[in-house]
C-alpha atoms as a PDB file:
ATOM      1  CA  UNK A   1      99.895 122.921 197.120  1.00  0.00           C
ATOM      2  CA  UNK A   2      98.703 122.518 193.505  1.00  0.00           C
ATOM      3  CA  UNK A   3     101.884 120.296 193.184  1.00  0.00           C
ATOM      4  CA  UNK A   4     100.749 117.853 195.759  1.00  0.00           C
ATOM      5  CA  UNK A   5      97.244 117.738 194.494  1.00  0.00           C
ATOM      6  CA  UNK A   6      98.242 116.668 190.766  1.00  0.00           C
ATOM      7  CA  UNK A   7     100.771 114.050 192.184  1.00  0.00           C
ATOM      8  CA  UNK A   8      97.936 111.814 193.421  1.00  0.00           C
ATOM      9  CA  UNK A   9      96.438 111.689 189.489  1.00  0.00           C
ATOM     10  CA  UNK A  10      99.244 109.868 187.887  1.00  0.00           C
ATOM     11  CA  UNK A  11      98.286 106.494 188.819  1.00  0.00           C
ATOM     12  CA  UNK A  12      94.409 107.556 188.341  1.00  0.00           C
ATOM     13  CA  UNK A  13      94.766 107.498 184.882  1.00  0.00           C
ATOM     14  CA  UNK A  14      96.383 104.083 183.922  1.00  0.00           C
ATOM     15  CA  UNK A  15      93.955 102.884 186.366  1.00  0.00           C
ATOM     16  CA  UNK A  16      91.445 104.502 184.410  1.00  0.00           C
ATOM     17  CA  UNK A  17      92.529 103.369 181.292  1.00  0.00           C
ATOM     18  CA  UNK A  18      92.169 100.072 181.792  1.00  0.00           C
ATOM     19  CA  UNK A  19      88.399 100.396 182.370  1.00  0.00           C
ATOM     20  CA  UNK A  20      85.762 100.399 179.706  1.00  0.00           C
ATOM     21  CA  UNK A  21      82.303 101.006 181.600  1.00  0.00           C
ATOM     22  CA  UNK A  22      82.362 101.750 185.189  1.00  0.00           C
ATOM     23  CA  UNK A  23      79.393 103.091 187.725  1.00  0.00           C
ATOM     24  CA  UNK A  24      79.833 105.930 190.753  1.00  0.00           C
ATOM     25  CA  UNK A  25      76.963 106.701 192.858  1.00  0.00           C
ATOM     26  CA  UNK A  26      75.973 110.277 192.557  1.00  0.00           C
ATOM     27  CA  UNK A  27      75.305 112.057 196.199  1.00  0.00           C
ATOM     28  CA  UNK A  28      72.436 114.124 195.375  1.00  0.00           C
ATOM     29  CA  UNK A  29      70.391 111.843 193.105  1.00  0.00           C
ATOM     30  CA  UNK A  30      68.966 108.255 193.084  1.00  0.00           C
ATOM     31  CA  UNK A  31      69.847 106.972 189.997  1.00  0.00           C
ATOM     32  CA  UNK A  32      73.854 105.577 189.167  1.00  0.00           C
ATOM     33  CA  UNK A  33      75.684 107.418 186.759  1.00  0.00           C
ATOM     34  CA  UNK A  34      77.561 105.583 184.224  1.00  0.00           C
ATOM     35  CA  UNK A  35      81.247 106.538 182.852  1.00  0.00           C
ATOM     36  CA  UNK A  36      81.088 104.728 179.901  1.00  0.00           C
ATOM     37  CA  UNK A  37      84.664 105.299 178.472  1.00  0.00           C
ATOM     38  CA  UNK A  38      88.414 105.466 180.330  1.00  0.00           C
ATOM     39  CA  UNK A  39      88.429 109.335 179.172  1.00  0.00           C
ATOM     40  CA  UNK A  40      84.798 109.366 181.293  1.00  0.00           C
ATOM     41  CA  UNK A  41      87.033 107.474 183.874  1.00  0.00           C
ATOM     42  CA  UNK A  42      89.717 109.625 184.180  1.00  0.00           C
ATOM     43  CA  UNK A  43      87.658 112.657 184.323  1.00  0.00           C
ATOM     44  CA  UNK A  44      85.678 111.477 187.172  1.00  0.00           C
ATOM     45  CA  UNK A  45      88.529 110.650 189.655  1.00  0.00           C
ATOM     46  CA  UNK A  46      90.797 113.519 188.505  1.00  0.00           C
ATOM     47  CA  UNK A  47      87.532 115.617 190.561  1.00  0.00           C
ATOM     48  CA  UNK A  48      87.454 112.452 193.124  1.00  0.00           C
ATOM     49  CA  UNK A  49      91.422 113.168 193.459  1.00  0.00           C
ATOM     50  CA  UNK A  50      91.233 116.968 194.147  1.00  0.00           C
ATOM     51  CA  UNK A  51      88.463 116.474 196.420  1.00  0.00           C
ATOM     52  CA  UNK A  52      90.251 114.094 199.134  1.00  0.00           C
ATOM     53  CA  UNK A  53      92.995 116.794 198.533  1.00  0.00           C
ATOM     54  CA  UNK A  54      90.979 119.714 199.889  1.00  0.00           C
ATOM     55  CA  UNK A  55      88.963 117.846 202.266  1.00  0.00           C
ATOM     56  CA  UNK A  56      92.095 116.702 203.992  1.00  0.00           C
ATOM     57  CA  UNK A  57      93.077 120.278 204.398  1.00  0.00           C
ATOM     58  CA  UNK A  58      89.752 121.100 205.066  1.00  0.00           C
ATOM     59  CA  UNK A  59      88.517 123.117 202.539  1.00  0.00           C
ATOM     60  CA  UNK A  60      84.582 123.913 201.864  1.00  0.00           C
ATOM     61  CA  UNK A  61      84.312 127.356 200.651  1.00  0.00           C
ATOM     62  CA  UNK A  62      85.045 126.258 196.614  1.00  0.00           C
ATOM     63  CA  UNK A  63      83.259 127.796 193.549  1.00  0.00           C
ATOM     64  CA  UNK A  64      83.101 124.814 191.447  1.00  0.00           C
ATOM     65  CA  UNK A  65      82.656 126.531 188.456  1.00  0.00           C
ATOM     66  CA  UNK A  66      85.630 128.186 188.703  1.00  0.00           C
ATOM     67  CA  UNK A  67      87.519 125.290 189.713  1.00  0.00           C
ATOM     68  CA  UNK A  68      85.969 124.072 186.288  1.00  0.00           C
ATOM     69  CA  UNK A  69      86.871 126.790 184.056  1.00  0.00           C
ATOM     70  CA  UNK A  70      90.847 127.224 185.889  1.00  0.00           C
ATOM     71  CA  UNK A  71      91.213 123.853 184.630  1.00  0.00           C
ATOM     72  CA  UNK A  72      89.854 124.532 181.604  1.00  0.00           C
ATOM     73  CA  UNK A  73      91.474 127.634 180.570  1.00  0.00           C
ATOM     74  CA  UNK A  74      94.796 125.755 181.550  1.00  0.00           C
ATOM     75  CA  UNK A  75      94.605 122.340 178.693  1.00  0.00           C
ATOM     76  CA  UNK A  76      93.438 124.883 176.524  1.00  0.00           C
ATOM     77  CA  UNK A  77      96.532 127.551 176.873  1.00  0.00           C
ATOM     78  CA  UNK A  78      94.380 130.549 178.001  1.00  0.00           C
ATOM     79  CA  UNK A  79      95.202 131.048 181.470  1.00  0.00           C
ATOM     80  CA  UNK A  80      96.698 134.142 182.424  1.00  0.00           C
ATOM     81  CA  UNK A  81      97.832 132.532 185.218  1.00  0.00           C
ATOM     82  CA  UNK A  82     101.044 130.523 185.820  1.00  0.00           C
ATOM     83  CA  UNK A  83     101.448 127.859 187.778  1.00  0.00           C
ATOM     84  CA  UNK A  84     104.273 129.920 189.749  1.00  0.00           C
ATOM     85  CA  UNK A  85     101.320 132.272 190.422  1.00  0.00           C
ATOM     86  CA  UNK A  86      99.047 129.952 191.479  1.00  0.00           C
ATOM     87  CA  UNK A  87     101.408 128.148 193.404  1.00  0.00           C
ATOM     88  CA  UNK A  88     102.416 131.072 195.378  1.00  0.00           C
ATOM     89  CA  UNK A  89      98.800 131.780 195.788  1.00  0.00           C
ATOM     90  CA  UNK A  90      97.811 128.882 196.821  1.00  0.00           C
ATOM     91  CA  UNK A  91     100.574 128.307 199.491  1.00  0.00           C
ATOM     92  CA  UNK A  92      99.440 132.272 201.038  1.00  0.00           C
ATOM     93  CA  UNK A  93      96.003 130.802 201.012  1.00  0.00           C
ATOM     94  CA  UNK A  94      96.799 127.597 202.970  1.00  0.00           C
ATOM     95  CA  UNK A  95      99.195 129.303 205.874  1.00  0.00           C
ATOM     96  CA  UNK A  96      96.070 131.984 206.254  1.00  0.00           C
ATOM     97  CA  UNK A  97      93.594 129.387 206.587  1.00  0.00           C
ATOM     98  CA  UNK A  98      95.732 127.529 209.073  1.00  0.00           C
ATOM     99  CA  UNK A  99      96.381 130.416 211.382  1.00  0.00           C
ATOM    100  CA  UNK A 100      92.724 130.424 211.518  1.00  0.00           C
ATOM    101  CA  UNK A 101      92.457 126.822 212.086  1.00  0.00           C
ATOM    102  CA  UNK A 102      95.343 127.312 214.892  1.00  0.00           C
ATOM    103  CA  UNK A 103      93.002 130.420 216.688  1.00  0.00           C
ATOM    104  CA  UNK A 104      90.180 128.634 216.184  1.00  0.00           C
ATOM    105  CA  UNK A 105      91.318 125.085 218.077  1.00  0.00           C
ATOM    106  CA  UNK A 106      93.093 127.185 220.345  1.00  0.00           C
ATOM    107  CA  UNK A 107      90.073 129.043 221.393  1.00  0.00           C
ATOM    108  CA  UNK A 108      87.889 125.581 221.480  1.00  0.00           C
ATOM    109  CA  UNK A 109      90.242 123.774 223.337  1.00  0.00           C
ATOM    110  CA  UNK A 110      90.679 126.368 225.938  1.00  0.00           C
ATOM    111  CA  UNK A 111      86.939 126.354 226.830  1.00  0.00           C
ATOM    112  CA  UNK A 112      86.639 122.770 226.625  1.00  0.00           C
ATOM    113  CA  UNK A 113      89.599 122.822 229.758  1.00  0.00           C
ATOM    114  CA  UNK A 114      88.156 124.970 231.797  1.00  0.00           C
ATOM    115  CA  UNK A 115      84.690 122.931 231.885  1.00  0.00           C
ATOM    116  CA  UNK A 116      86.488 119.446 231.927  1.00  0.00           C
ATOM    117  CA  UNK A 117      88.533 120.503 235.030  1.00  0.00           C
ATOM    118  CA  UNK A 118      85.667 120.567 237.063  1.00  0.00           C
ATOM    119  CA  UNK A 119      84.663 117.006 236.274  1.00  0.00           C
ATOM    120  CA  UNK A 120      84.984 114.328 239.289  1.00  0.00           C
ATOM    121  CA  UNK A 121      88.024 112.711 238.850  1.00  0.00           C
ATOM    122  CA  UNK A 122      89.347 114.760 236.637  1.00  0.00           C
ATOM    123  CA  UNK A 123      93.199 117.004 237.851  1.00  0.00           C
ATOM    124  CA  UNK A 124      95.044 119.287 236.131  1.00  0.00           C
ATOM    125  CA  UNK A 125      98.874 119.392 236.887  1.00  0.00           C
ATOM    126  CA  UNK A 126     101.185 122.839 236.879  1.00  0.00           C
ATOM    127  CA  UNK A 127     101.665 122.514 233.010  1.00  0.00           C
ATOM    128  CA  UNK A 128      98.046 122.271 231.780  1.00  0.00           C
ATOM    129  CA  UNK A 129      98.135 118.571 231.290  1.00  0.00           C
ATOM    130  CA  UNK A 130      94.665 117.283 232.589  1.00  0.00           C
ATOM    131  CA  UNK A 131      94.257 113.505 233.785  1.00  0.00           C
ATOM    132  CA  UNK A 132      91.628 111.109 234.677  1.00  0.00           C
ATOM    133  CA  UNK A 133      92.786 107.779 236.286  1.00  0.00           C
ATOM    134  CA  UNK A 134      90.586 104.816 235.230  1.00  0.00           C
ATOM    135  CA  UNK A 135      92.743 102.212 237.019  1.00  0.00           C
ATOM    136  CA  UNK A 136      95.824 102.674 239.881  1.00  0.00           C
ATOM    137  CA  UNK A 137      98.912 100.726 238.971  1.00  0.00           C
ATOM    138  CA  UNK A 138     100.790  98.515 241.311  1.00  0.00           C
ATOM    139  CA  UNK A 139     103.862  98.435 239.290  1.00  0.00           C
ATOM    140  CA  UNK A 140     107.072 100.275 238.463  1.00  0.00           C
ATOM    141  CA  UNK A 141     106.699 103.880 237.366  1.00  0.00           C
ATOM    142  CA  UNK A 142     108.960 105.485 234.749  1.00  0.00           C
ATOM    143  CA  UNK A 143     111.306 108.180 234.872  1.00  0.00           C
ATOM    144  CA  UNK A 144     112.304 110.599 231.544  1.00  0.00           C
ATOM    145  CA  UNK A 145     115.018 108.152 230.505  1.00  0.00           C
ATOM    146  CA  UNK A 146     112.878 105.072 230.301  1.00  0.00           C
ATOM    147  CA  UNK A 147     111.824 103.310 227.382  1.00  0.00           C
ATOM    148  CA  UNK A 148     107.854 102.192 227.942  1.00  0.00           C
ATOM    149  CA  UNK A 149     105.642  99.458 226.379  1.00  0.00           C
ATOM    150  CA  UNK A 150     101.541 100.670 226.505  1.00  0.00           C
ATOM    151  CA  UNK A 151      98.709 100.720 224.863  1.00  0.00           C
ATOM    152  CA  UNK A 152      96.863 103.775 223.749  1.00  0.00           C
ATOM    153  CA  UNK A 153      93.905 105.076 222.010  1.00  0.00           C
ATOM    154  CA  UNK A 154      94.370 108.896 220.798  1.00  0.00           C
ATOM    155  CA  UNK A 155      91.218 110.997 219.427  1.00  0.00           C
ATOM    156  CA  UNK A 156      89.973 114.696 219.128  1.00  0.00           C
ATOM    157  CA  UNK A 157      87.606 116.789 220.487  1.00  0.00           C
ATOM    158  CA  UNK A 158      85.167 116.153 218.089  1.00  0.00           C
ATOM    159  CA  UNK A 159      85.630 111.999 219.023  1.00  0.00           C
ATOM    160  CA  UNK A 160      87.236 110.798 216.115  1.00  0.00           C
ATOM    161  CA  UNK A 161      90.090 108.432 216.888  1.00  0.00           C
ATOM    162  CA  UNK A 162      93.367 109.204 215.048  1.00  0.00           C
ATOM    163  CA  UNK A 163      95.304 106.386 216.238  1.00  0.00           C
ATOM    164  CA  UNK A 164      95.118 103.465 218.389  1.00  0.00           C
ATOM    165  CA  UNK A 165      97.614 100.039 219.126  1.00  0.00           C
ATOM    166  CA  UNK A 166      94.505  98.277 220.108  1.00  0.00           C
ATOM    167  CA  UNK A 167      93.347  98.776 216.774  1.00  0.00           C
ATOM    168  CA  UNK A 168      96.721  97.328 215.745  1.00  0.00           C
ATOM    169  CA  UNK A 169      96.634  94.328 218.531  1.00  0.00           C
ATOM    170  CA  UNK A 170     100.173  95.280 219.304  1.00  0.00           C
ATOM    171  CA  UNK A 171     101.366  97.583 221.854  1.00  0.00           C
ATOM    172  CA  UNK A 172     103.512 100.174 221.060  1.00  0.00           C
ATOM    173  CA  UNK A 173     106.935 100.506 222.460  1.00  0.00           C
ATOM    174  CA  UNK A 174     109.157 104.159 223.098  1.00  0.00           C
ATOM    175  CA  UNK A 175     111.142 106.099 224.661  1.00  0.00           C
ATOM    176  CA  UNK A 176     109.617 108.736 226.710  1.00  0.00           C
ATOM    177  CA  UNK A 177     112.257 111.455 225.591  1.00  0.00           C
ATOM    178  CA  UNK A 178     110.721 110.366 221.913  1.00  0.00           C
ATOM    179  CA  UNK A 179     107.355 111.309 222.273  1.00  0.00           C
ATOM    180  CA  UNK A 180     104.772 114.316 223.173  1.00  0.00           C
ATOM    181  CA  UNK A 181     105.658 116.734 226.296  1.00  0.00           C
ATOM    182  CA  UNK A 182     102.254 115.717 227.421  1.00  0.00           C
ATOM    183  CA  UNK A 183     102.779 111.684 227.431  1.00  0.00           C
ATOM    184  CA  UNK A 184     106.020 112.257 228.798  1.00  0.00           C
ATOM    185  CA  UNK A 185     104.757 114.243 231.899  1.00  0.00           C
ATOM    186  CA  UNK A 186     101.553 112.030 231.960  1.00  0.00           C
ATOM    187  CA  UNK A 187     103.392 108.621 232.095  1.00  0.00           C
ATOM    188  CA  UNK A 188     105.469 109.568 234.894  1.00  0.00           C
ATOM    189  CA  UNK A 189     102.455 110.049 236.586  1.00  0.00           C
ATOM    190  CA  UNK A 190     101.577 106.249 235.967  1.00  0.00           C
ATOM    191  CA  UNK A 191     102.645 102.484 237.210  1.00  0.00           C
ATOM    192  CA  UNK A 192     102.873  99.886 235.402  1.00  0.00           C
ATOM    193  CA  UNK A 193      98.906  98.552 235.234  1.00  0.00           C
ATOM    194  CA  UNK A 194      97.662 101.407 235.321  1.00  0.00           C
ATOM    195  CA  UNK A 195      95.262 103.146 232.815  1.00  0.00           C
ATOM    196  CA  UNK A 196      94.655 106.196 232.843  1.00  0.00           C
ATOM    197  CA  UNK A 197      93.230 109.366 230.661  1.00  0.00           C
ATOM    198  CA  UNK A 198      95.098 112.626 229.153  1.00  0.00           C
ATOM    199  CA  UNK A 199      93.856 115.813 228.092  1.00  0.00           C
ATOM    200  CA  UNK A 200      96.576 117.400 226.657  1.00  0.00           C
ATOM    201  CA  UNK A 201      96.757 121.033 225.767  1.00  0.00           C
ATOM    202  CA  UNK A 202      97.871 121.557 221.456  1.00  0.00           C
ATOM    203  CA  UNK A 203     101.227 123.262 223.354  1.00  0.00           C
ATOM    204  CA  UNK A 204     101.977 119.784 224.948  1.00  0.00           C
ATOM    205  CA  UNK A 205     101.534 118.304 222.067  1.00  0.00           C
ATOM    206  CA  UNK A 206     102.036 119.361 218.739  1.00  0.00           C
ATOM    207  CA  UNK A 207     101.266 122.898 218.848  1.00  0.00           C
ATOM    208  CA  UNK A 208     100.741 125.228 215.974  1.00  0.00           C
ATOM    209  CA  UNK A 209     102.407 123.238 213.120  1.00  0.00           C
ATOM    210  CA  UNK A 210      99.773 119.847 214.127  1.00  0.00           C
ATOM    211  CA  UNK A 211     100.647 116.431 212.780  1.00  0.00           C
ATOM    212  CA  UNK A 212      99.981 114.779 209.688  1.00  0.00           C
ATOM    213  CA  UNK A 213      96.500 114.845 207.961  1.00  0.00           C
ATOM    214  CA  UNK A 214      94.173 114.140 210.601  1.00  0.00           C
ATOM    215  CA  UNK A 215      95.416 116.981 213.695  1.00  0.00           C
ATOM    216  CA  UNK A 216      95.468 120.337 213.424  1.00  0.00           C
ATOM    217  CA  UNK A 217      97.213 122.732 214.320  1.00  0.00           C
ATOM    218  CA  UNK A 218      97.011 123.827 218.550  1.00  0.00           C
ATOM    219  CA  UNK A 219      94.390 120.974 218.763  1.00  0.00           C
ATOM    220  CA  UNK A 220      93.942 118.929 222.148  1.00  0.00           C
ATOM    221  CA  UNK A 221      94.661 115.382 222.099  1.00  0.00           C
ATOM    222  CA  UNK A 222      92.540 113.066 224.189  1.00  0.00           C
ATOM    223  CA  UNK A 223      94.417 109.828 225.287  1.00  0.00           C
ATOM    224  CA  UNK A 224      93.647 106.895 227.185  1.00  0.00           C
ATOM    225  CA  UNK A 225      97.390 105.120 228.101  1.00  0.00           C
ATOM    226  CA  UNK A 226      97.869 101.532 229.584  1.00  0.00           C
ATOM    227  CA  UNK A 227     101.318 101.026 231.035  1.00  0.00           C
ATOM    228  CA  UNK A 228     101.799  97.443 230.546  1.00  0.00           C
ATOM    229  CA  UNK A 229     105.443  97.753 231.661  1.00  0.00           C
ATOM    230  CA  UNK A 230     108.763  99.898 231.925  1.00  0.00           C
ATOM    231  CA  UNK A 231     111.410  99.053 230.496  1.00  0.00           C
ATOM    232  CA  UNK A 232     115.423  99.289 229.896  1.00  0.00           C
ATOM    233  CA  UNK A 233     116.230 103.138 230.644  1.00  0.00           C
ATOM    234  CA  UNK A 234     117.740 104.641 227.386  1.00  0.00           C
ATOM    235  CA  UNK A 235     120.509 106.930 229.709  1.00  0.00           C
ATOM    236  CA  UNK A 236     123.821 106.834 228.034  1.00  0.00           C
ATOM    237  CA  UNK A 237     126.055 106.137 231.488  1.00  0.00           C
ATOM    238  CA  UNK A 238     129.468 106.672 231.694  1.00  0.00           C
ATOM    239  CA  UNK A 239     131.897 103.585 231.685  1.00  0.00           C
ATOM    240  CA  UNK A 240     133.458 103.307 235.160  1.00  0.00           C
ATOM    241  CA  UNK A 241     136.219 101.480 236.218  1.00  0.00           C
ATOM    242  CA  UNK A 242     136.645  98.803 237.734  1.00  0.00           C
ATOM    243  CA  UNK A 243     138.981  97.329 240.490  1.00  0.00           C
ATOM    244  CA  UNK A 244     141.463  95.734 237.774  1.00  0.00           C
ATOM    245  CA  UNK A 245     141.776  98.855 235.915  1.00  0.00           C
ATOM    246  CA  UNK A 246     139.286  97.629 233.006  1.00  0.00           C
ATOM    247  CA  UNK A 247     136.158  99.151 232.141  1.00  0.00           C
END
């Protein structure tokens, strides 16, 4: 984790060296903070980079004085903690943090699904996938070996949108065998032209590993999916001999 934090600082050094005078507005101050030298800019951007890195890990219980002290001791060669020891501790810390987050997400998700299945129009399958039909389609339904073309929007329980083909202005094409199991199951229940809302439990999504910086472990995902078209099958069929003995 330490390596990841400081890896993002390298591009900032060249950026800061090209600045003579920058300004940044403090969150708790009405007046502007003036950065009068490249060293000021570089120092501030180190803090910004570390802050963003920790924010993606959802860490907020930080003693900033000790952060500053740790940096100062290393730069003055006064630290009694090695880089290896720091990395070992932080890796262990973030593993424990992720486990706690996963447990919390699972509990919150279970409570949400229990209430959501009582909502009018929501049905639940044997796997625990919950579905709300926004618009029924009239075309073909895909099978597990098909490819499909869809528009979709994915969000977390807190409403944060983490992915959207609508925002990109381009439908997505993919094989049902290549996506999370909640999509594989849900899309096979749809017909072309249909639009569903899928409430996908963590075990039918990305499970305890999560995905990227946006989706935590065991998080429930809510997808609005519009099935535009069922494409060709991805199943590999065996060669067949014709009447002339050709394949």
